[in-house]
N, C-alpha and C. Protein backbone atom coordinates (compact mmCIF):
# COMPACT_ATOMS: atom_id res chain seq x y z
N MET A 1 4.30 -2.69 25.95
CA MET A 1 4.56 -1.82 24.79
C MET A 1 5.46 -2.61 23.83
N SER A 2 5.30 -2.39 22.48
CA SER A 2 6.11 -3.35 21.51
C SER A 2 7.49 -2.73 21.64
N ASN A 3 8.41 -3.57 21.18
CA ASN A 3 9.77 -3.29 21.28
C ASN A 3 10.25 -2.50 19.92
N LEU A 4 10.40 -1.04 20.38
CA LEU A 4 10.65 -0.23 19.05
C LEU A 4 12.03 -0.29 18.49
N THR A 5 13.08 -1.20 19.11
CA THR A 5 14.23 -1.58 18.54
C THR A 5 14.12 -2.86 17.43
N GLN A 6 13.00 -3.33 17.35
CA GLN A 6 12.72 -4.38 16.54
C GLN A 6 12.18 -4.11 15.08
N GLU A 7 12.88 -4.52 13.93
CA GLU A 7 12.49 -4.09 12.62
C GLU A 7 11.01 -4.53 12.33
N THR A 8 10.56 -5.55 12.85
CA THR A 8 9.07 -6.08 12.82
C THR A 8 8.06 -4.91 13.38
N TYR A 9 8.35 -4.34 14.42
CA TYR A 9 7.67 -3.29 14.88
C TYR A 9 7.41 -2.16 13.90
N TRP A 10 8.28 -1.71 13.13
CA TRP A 10 8.23 -0.68 12.27
C TRP A 10 7.75 -1.18 10.96
N HIS A 11 7.98 -2.34 10.44
CA HIS A 11 7.24 -2.96 9.37
C HIS A 11 5.82 -2.91 9.65
N ASN A 12 5.50 -3.51 10.68
CA ASN A 12 3.84 -3.49 11.13
C ASN A 12 3.32 -2.22 11.13
N LEU A 13 3.98 -1.25 11.52
CA LEU A 13 3.30 0.14 11.77
C LEU A 13 3.16 0.88 10.33
N MET A 14 4.13 0.62 9.52
CA MET A 14 4.16 1.38 8.33
C MET A 14 3.26 0.59 7.15
N GLY A 15 3.20 -0.71 7.43
CA GLY A 15 2.63 -1.58 6.51
C GLY A 15 1.20 -1.26 6.01
N LYS A 16 0.33 -0.95 7.06
CA LYS A 16 -0.92 -0.61 6.58
C LYS A 16 -1.20 0.68 5.67
N SER A 17 -0.53 1.65 6.29
CA SER A 17 -0.52 2.84 5.58
C SER A 17 0.21 2.92 4.13
N VAL A 18 1.28 2.17 4.00
CA VAL A 18 1.92 2.07 2.82
C VAL A 18 1.15 1.13 1.77
N SER A 19 0.71 0.28 2.19
CA SER A 19 0.05 -0.82 1.47
C SER A 19 -1.18 -0.27 0.89
N ARG A 20 -1.91 0.67 1.59
CA ARG A 20 -3.33 1.20 1.14
C ARG A 20 -2.68 2.31 -0.07
N PHE A 21 -1.68 2.99 0.51
CA PHE A 21 -1.26 4.05 -0.64
C PHE A 21 -0.97 3.26 -2.00
N PHE A 22 -0.02 2.31 -2.04
CA PHE A 22 0.27 1.54 -3.03
C PHE A 22 -1.06 0.84 -3.70
N LEU A 23 -1.91 0.32 -2.96
CA LEU A 23 -3.30 -0.15 -3.54
C LEU A 23 -3.84 0.87 -4.37
N LEU A 24 -4.12 2.06 -3.73
CA LEU A 24 -4.54 3.06 -4.52
C LEU A 24 -3.74 3.39 -5.89
N ALA A 25 -2.56 3.61 -5.58
CA ALA A 25 -1.83 3.98 -6.71
C ALA A 25 -1.90 2.74 -7.90
N CYS A 26 -1.81 1.43 -7.63
CA CYS A 26 -1.86 0.38 -8.50
C CYS A 26 -3.32 0.48 -9.29
N LEU A 27 -4.41 0.80 -8.44
CA LEU A 27 -5.66 0.91 -9.10
C LEU A 27 -5.89 2.12 -9.98
N ALA A 28 -5.13 3.07 -9.64
CA ALA A 28 -5.02 4.28 -10.62
C ALA A 28 -4.42 4.11 -11.89
N ARG A 29 -3.69 3.15 -11.98
CA ARG A 29 -3.11 2.58 -13.24
C ARG A 29 -4.12 1.76 -14.09
N LYS A 30 -4.72 0.82 -13.55
CA LYS A 30 -5.81 -0.10 -14.05
C LYS A 30 -6.54 -0.76 -13.09
N PRO A 31 -7.67 -1.27 -13.56
CA PRO A 31 -8.41 -2.15 -12.73
C PRO A 31 -7.65 -3.49 -12.40
N MET A 32 -7.91 -4.09 -11.29
CA MET A 32 -7.21 -5.23 -10.93
C MET A 32 -7.86 -6.12 -9.83
N HIS A 33 -7.62 -7.34 -9.61
CA HIS A 33 -8.05 -8.34 -8.77
C HIS A 33 -7.32 -8.36 -7.60
N GLY A 34 -7.69 -8.85 -6.56
CA GLY A 34 -6.93 -9.06 -5.38
C GLY A 34 -5.53 -9.57 -5.59
N TYR A 35 -5.44 -10.69 -6.03
CA TYR A 35 -4.10 -11.56 -6.15
C TYR A 35 -3.12 -10.56 -7.06
N GLU A 36 -3.77 -9.90 -8.25
CA GLU A 36 -2.72 -9.10 -8.94
C GLU A 36 -2.43 -7.91 -8.10
N LEU A 37 -3.34 -7.28 -7.30
CA LEU A 37 -2.96 -6.21 -6.51
C LEU A 37 -1.86 -6.43 -5.37
N ALA A 38 -2.05 -7.67 -4.81
CA ALA A 38 -0.88 -8.07 -4.00
C ALA A 38 0.55 -8.05 -4.67
N LYS A 39 0.55 -8.72 -5.74
CA LYS A 39 1.79 -8.83 -6.67
C LYS A 39 2.21 -7.30 -6.96
N GLU A 40 1.34 -6.55 -7.41
CA GLU A 40 1.79 -5.10 -7.96
C GLU A 40 2.18 -4.31 -6.62
N ILE A 41 1.55 -4.45 -5.52
CA ILE A 41 1.99 -3.65 -4.38
C ILE A 41 3.35 -3.98 -3.80
N ALA A 42 3.74 -5.29 -3.81
CA ALA A 42 4.80 -5.84 -3.48
C ALA A 42 6.06 -5.31 -4.42
N ILE A 43 5.83 -5.33 -5.75
CA ILE A 43 6.72 -4.89 -6.72
C ILE A 43 6.88 -3.49 -6.52
N ALA A 44 5.81 -2.55 -6.43
CA ALA A 44 5.90 -1.19 -6.40
C ALA A 44 6.69 -0.64 -5.01
N CYS A 45 6.59 -1.39 -4.04
CA CYS A 45 7.38 -0.88 -2.63
C CYS A 45 8.57 -1.71 -2.39
N ASN A 46 9.36 -2.28 -3.66
CA ASN A 46 10.38 -3.09 -3.54
C ASN A 46 10.25 -4.21 -2.39
N GLN A 47 9.36 -4.82 -2.33
CA GLN A 47 8.92 -5.91 -1.34
C GLN A 47 8.82 -5.50 0.14
N CYS A 48 8.87 -4.23 0.40
CA CYS A 48 8.87 -3.58 1.82
C CYS A 48 7.71 -3.85 2.56
N CYS A 49 6.68 -4.22 1.90
CA CYS A 49 5.37 -4.52 2.54
C CYS A 49 4.68 -5.46 1.49
N SER A 50 4.93 -6.66 1.48
CA SER A 50 4.26 -7.69 0.59
C SER A 50 2.99 -8.03 1.35
N PRO A 51 1.85 -7.52 0.92
CA PRO A 51 0.71 -7.66 1.44
C PRO A 51 0.08 -9.04 1.41
N SER A 52 -0.49 -9.67 2.42
CA SER A 52 -1.01 -11.05 2.50
C SER A 52 -2.60 -10.84 2.12
N ASP A 53 -3.16 -12.00 1.93
CA ASP A 53 -4.56 -11.93 1.76
C ASP A 53 -5.36 -11.41 2.96
N ALA A 54 -4.69 -11.58 4.22
CA ALA A 54 -5.33 -10.94 5.35
C ALA A 54 -5.48 -9.48 5.30
N MET A 55 -4.59 -8.81 4.64
CA MET A 55 -4.32 -7.37 4.52
C MET A 55 -5.14 -6.88 3.21
N ILE A 56 -5.00 -7.51 2.06
CA ILE A 56 -5.44 -7.01 0.79
C ILE A 56 -7.11 -6.91 0.90
N TYR A 57 -7.69 -8.26 1.40
CA TYR A 57 -9.27 -8.27 1.21
C TYR A 57 -9.84 -7.43 2.24
N PRO A 58 -9.40 -7.21 3.32
CA PRO A 58 -10.10 -6.38 4.35
C PRO A 58 -9.88 -4.79 3.88
N ALA A 59 -8.59 -4.56 3.25
CA ALA A 59 -8.55 -3.28 2.69
C ALA A 59 -9.42 -2.98 1.42
N ILE A 60 -9.60 -4.04 0.75
CA ILE A 60 -10.61 -3.74 -0.40
C ILE A 60 -12.01 -3.43 0.08
N ARG A 61 -12.52 -4.38 1.05
CA ARG A 61 -13.78 -4.08 1.65
C ARG A 61 -13.86 -2.75 2.19
N GLU A 62 -12.99 -2.21 3.10
CA GLU A 62 -12.96 -0.87 3.77
C GLU A 62 -12.95 0.22 2.70
N LEU A 63 -12.19 0.06 1.63
CA LEU A 63 -12.02 1.07 0.70
C LEU A 63 -13.37 1.20 -0.19
N LYS A 64 -14.08 -0.04 -0.43
CA LYS A 64 -15.37 -0.09 -0.97
C LYS A 64 -16.34 0.53 -0.27
N LEU A 65 -16.44 0.18 1.10
CA LEU A 65 -17.37 0.86 2.00
C LEU A 65 -17.18 2.27 2.06
N ALA A 66 -15.98 2.92 1.93
CA ALA A 66 -15.67 4.18 1.98
C ALA A 66 -15.98 4.92 0.55
N GLY A 67 -16.34 4.09 -0.38
CA GLY A 67 -16.73 4.66 -1.81
C GLY A 67 -15.61 5.07 -2.58
N LEU A 68 -14.37 4.52 -2.21
CA LEU A 68 -13.13 4.93 -2.99
C LEU A 68 -12.89 3.77 -4.22
N ILE A 69 -13.50 2.51 -4.02
CA ILE A 69 -13.43 1.52 -5.08
C ILE A 69 -14.77 1.00 -5.29
N THR A 70 -14.86 0.35 -6.62
CA THR A 70 -16.02 -0.51 -6.93
C THR A 70 -15.45 -1.74 -7.40
N THR A 71 -16.25 -2.75 -7.30
CA THR A 71 -15.84 -4.10 -7.83
C THR A 71 -16.86 -4.56 -8.77
N HIS A 72 -16.41 -5.41 -9.62
CA HIS A 72 -17.34 -6.17 -10.49
C HIS A 72 -16.80 -7.62 -10.65
N GLU A 73 -17.67 -8.59 -10.88
CA GLU A 73 -17.24 -9.89 -11.13
C GLU A 73 -16.78 -10.34 -12.65
N GLU A 74 -15.78 -11.02 -12.54
CA GLU A 74 -15.38 -11.39 -14.09
C GLU A 74 -15.17 -12.88 -14.08
N LYS A 75 -15.51 -13.65 -14.89
CA LYS A 75 -15.32 -15.18 -14.95
C LYS A 75 -14.02 -15.25 -15.84
N LEU A 76 -13.20 -16.13 -15.32
CA LEU A 76 -12.02 -16.36 -16.05
C LEU A 76 -11.76 -17.92 -15.97
N GLY A 77 -12.10 -18.68 -16.86
CA GLY A 77 -11.69 -20.12 -16.94
C GLY A 77 -12.58 -20.85 -15.82
N GLY A 78 -13.92 -20.56 -15.56
CA GLY A 78 -14.48 -21.18 -14.45
C GLY A 78 -14.41 -20.41 -13.17
N ARG A 79 -13.52 -19.64 -12.97
CA ARG A 79 -13.22 -18.89 -11.75
C ARG A 79 -13.82 -17.61 -11.97
N VAL A 80 -14.36 -17.08 -10.66
CA VAL A 80 -15.11 -15.89 -10.66
C VAL A 80 -13.88 -14.96 -9.68
N ARG A 81 -13.55 -13.85 -10.43
CA ARG A 81 -12.69 -12.94 -9.67
C ARG A 81 -13.40 -11.43 -9.51
N LYS A 82 -13.19 -10.85 -8.49
CA LYS A 82 -13.76 -9.53 -8.25
C LYS A 82 -12.59 -8.53 -8.79
N ILE A 83 -13.05 -7.75 -9.73
CA ILE A 83 -12.08 -6.70 -10.27
C ILE A 83 -12.38 -5.41 -9.54
N CYS A 84 -11.21 -4.81 -9.20
CA CYS A 84 -11.44 -3.48 -8.38
C CYS A 84 -11.14 -2.40 -9.24
N SER A 85 -11.78 -1.36 -9.22
CA SER A 85 -11.40 -0.23 -10.05
C SER A 85 -11.73 1.06 -9.03
N LEU A 86 -10.92 2.10 -9.20
CA LEU A 86 -11.04 3.34 -8.38
C LEU A 86 -12.43 4.05 -8.83
N THR A 87 -13.00 4.62 -7.92
CA THR A 87 -14.10 5.60 -8.15
C THR A 87 -13.45 7.01 -8.39
N PRO A 88 -14.35 8.08 -8.74
CA PRO A 88 -13.62 9.50 -8.83
C PRO A 88 -13.24 9.70 -7.39
N GLU A 89 -13.82 9.44 -6.52
CA GLU A 89 -13.43 9.72 -4.95
C GLU A 89 -12.25 9.04 -4.69
N GLY A 90 -12.06 7.76 -5.20
CA GLY A 90 -10.81 7.15 -4.99
C GLY A 90 -9.52 7.54 -5.66
N HIS A 91 -9.88 8.29 -6.82
CA HIS A 91 -8.69 8.97 -7.59
C HIS A 91 -8.35 10.19 -6.70
N ARG A 92 -9.38 10.96 -6.16
CA ARG A 92 -8.98 12.12 -5.53
C ARG A 92 -8.19 11.72 -4.03
N ALA A 93 -8.58 10.50 -3.55
CA ALA A 93 -7.96 9.93 -2.33
C ALA A 93 -6.43 9.68 -2.63
N TYR A 94 -6.28 9.03 -3.82
CA TYR A 94 -4.83 8.82 -4.23
C TYR A 94 -4.13 9.90 -4.50
N GLN A 95 -4.63 11.02 -5.27
CA GLN A 95 -3.84 12.29 -5.38
C GLN A 95 -3.59 13.00 -3.95
N THR A 96 -4.58 13.02 -3.04
CA THR A 96 -4.36 13.62 -1.76
C THR A 96 -3.18 12.84 -0.99
N ALA A 97 -3.38 11.39 -1.10
CA ALA A 97 -2.20 10.64 -0.26
C ALA A 97 -0.88 10.97 -1.01
N ALA A 98 -0.65 11.03 -2.36
CA ALA A 98 0.41 11.34 -2.94
C ALA A 98 0.92 12.81 -2.61
N LYS A 99 0.09 13.53 -2.32
CA LYS A 99 0.52 14.93 -2.13
C LYS A 99 1.06 14.98 -0.46
N VAL A 100 0.48 14.22 0.30
CA VAL A 100 0.96 14.08 1.58
C VAL A 100 2.26 13.50 1.81
N TRP A 101 2.26 12.30 1.14
CA TRP A 101 3.73 11.49 0.92
C TRP A 101 4.82 12.31 0.30
N GLY A 102 4.40 13.10 -0.69
CA GLY A 102 5.46 13.86 -1.43
C GLY A 102 6.05 14.97 -0.51
N ALA A 103 5.10 15.39 0.27
CA ALA A 103 5.54 16.62 1.15
C ALA A 103 6.50 15.96 2.41
N ILE A 104 6.32 14.58 2.80
CA ILE A 104 7.18 14.17 3.82
C ILE A 104 8.29 13.31 3.34
N LEU A 105 8.38 13.15 2.10
CA LEU A 105 9.52 12.48 1.60
C LEU A 105 10.92 13.19 1.73
N PRO A 106 11.13 14.56 1.67
CA PRO A 106 12.36 15.00 1.71
C PRO A 106 12.90 14.92 3.21
N GLY A 107 12.05 15.16 4.04
CA GLY A 107 12.55 14.94 5.37
C GLY A 107 12.66 13.62 5.76
N LEU A 108 11.93 12.67 5.36
CA LEU A 108 11.95 11.24 5.61
C LEU A 108 13.42 10.72 4.90
N ASN A 109 13.78 11.18 3.84
CA ASN A 109 14.85 10.81 3.03
C ASN A 109 16.05 11.32 3.96
N ASP A 110 16.21 12.63 4.45
CA ASP A 110 17.20 13.12 5.19
C ASP A 110 17.48 12.45 6.57
N THR A 111 16.28 12.06 7.25
CA THR A 111 16.32 11.37 8.54
C THR A 111 16.71 10.01 8.43
N VAL A 112 16.30 9.28 7.46
CA VAL A 112 16.74 7.89 7.06
C VAL A 112 18.32 8.03 6.85
N ALA A 113 18.63 8.86 5.98
CA ALA A 113 20.21 9.02 5.64
C ALA A 113 21.11 9.21 6.85
N ARG A 114 20.51 10.18 7.88
CA ARG A 114 21.25 10.37 9.22
C ARG A 114 21.26 9.13 9.87
N GLY A 115 20.21 8.33 10.05
CA GLY A 115 20.08 7.14 10.97
C GLY A 115 21.15 6.20 10.43
N LEU A 116 21.22 6.02 8.97
CA LEU A 116 22.03 5.18 8.31
C LEU A 116 23.52 5.20 8.64
N GLU A 117 23.78 6.74 8.76
CA GLU A 117 25.08 7.19 8.89
C GLU A 117 25.56 6.88 10.33
N ILE A 118 24.71 7.07 11.10
CA ILE A 118 24.90 6.59 12.74
C ILE A 118 25.13 5.12 12.88
N THR A 119 24.35 4.44 12.01
CA THR A 119 24.63 2.90 12.02
C THR A 119 25.86 2.75 11.44
N LEU A 120 26.34 3.04 10.34
CA LEU A 120 27.75 2.76 9.81
C LEU A 120 28.89 3.30 10.75
N GLN A 121 28.73 4.44 11.47
CA GLN A 121 29.70 4.83 12.34
C GLN A 121 29.90 4.06 13.60
N GLU A 122 28.69 3.42 14.04
CA GLU A 122 28.80 2.44 15.19
C GLU A 122 29.35 1.18 14.84
N GLY A 123 28.97 0.62 13.42
CA GLY A 123 29.44 -0.47 13.14
C GLY A 123 30.89 -0.75 12.67
C-alpha cells in the first residue's frame, strides 16, 4: 500500500480528477491545443497539478472517445497541431463536474482548515 503520509501520494491521487476538471474548464473558455492546455491547467490550479504530456494526451484521447471533445488539425508555421474543442456533451460534463466540485468545496475547505490548524498546533 502507498504511504498515505507522503504528499506525493495525495498529489497523484487527486491529479487525474483535478486535471480533467480543469481540462474541461479550459476548453469551455476556448479551443486549445495540448501544449496550451497543459499551461492553462497549471495556471488554473496554481501549479498544484502541472500536467505532463503523459497526462494531457491520453486524457484528450479518452475524452475524444467519450464524445466530450473533438479535434481538428491546424497548421502553424509548418507545424500541425490538434486543436481540441468541447462538444455539447463536453459542456454538459463540465457543468456536471462543476456542480459536484461546488458541492464538496465547503466541506473540503473546512476540513483542510482543521488539518492546517492541527499542523500549526503540533509545529
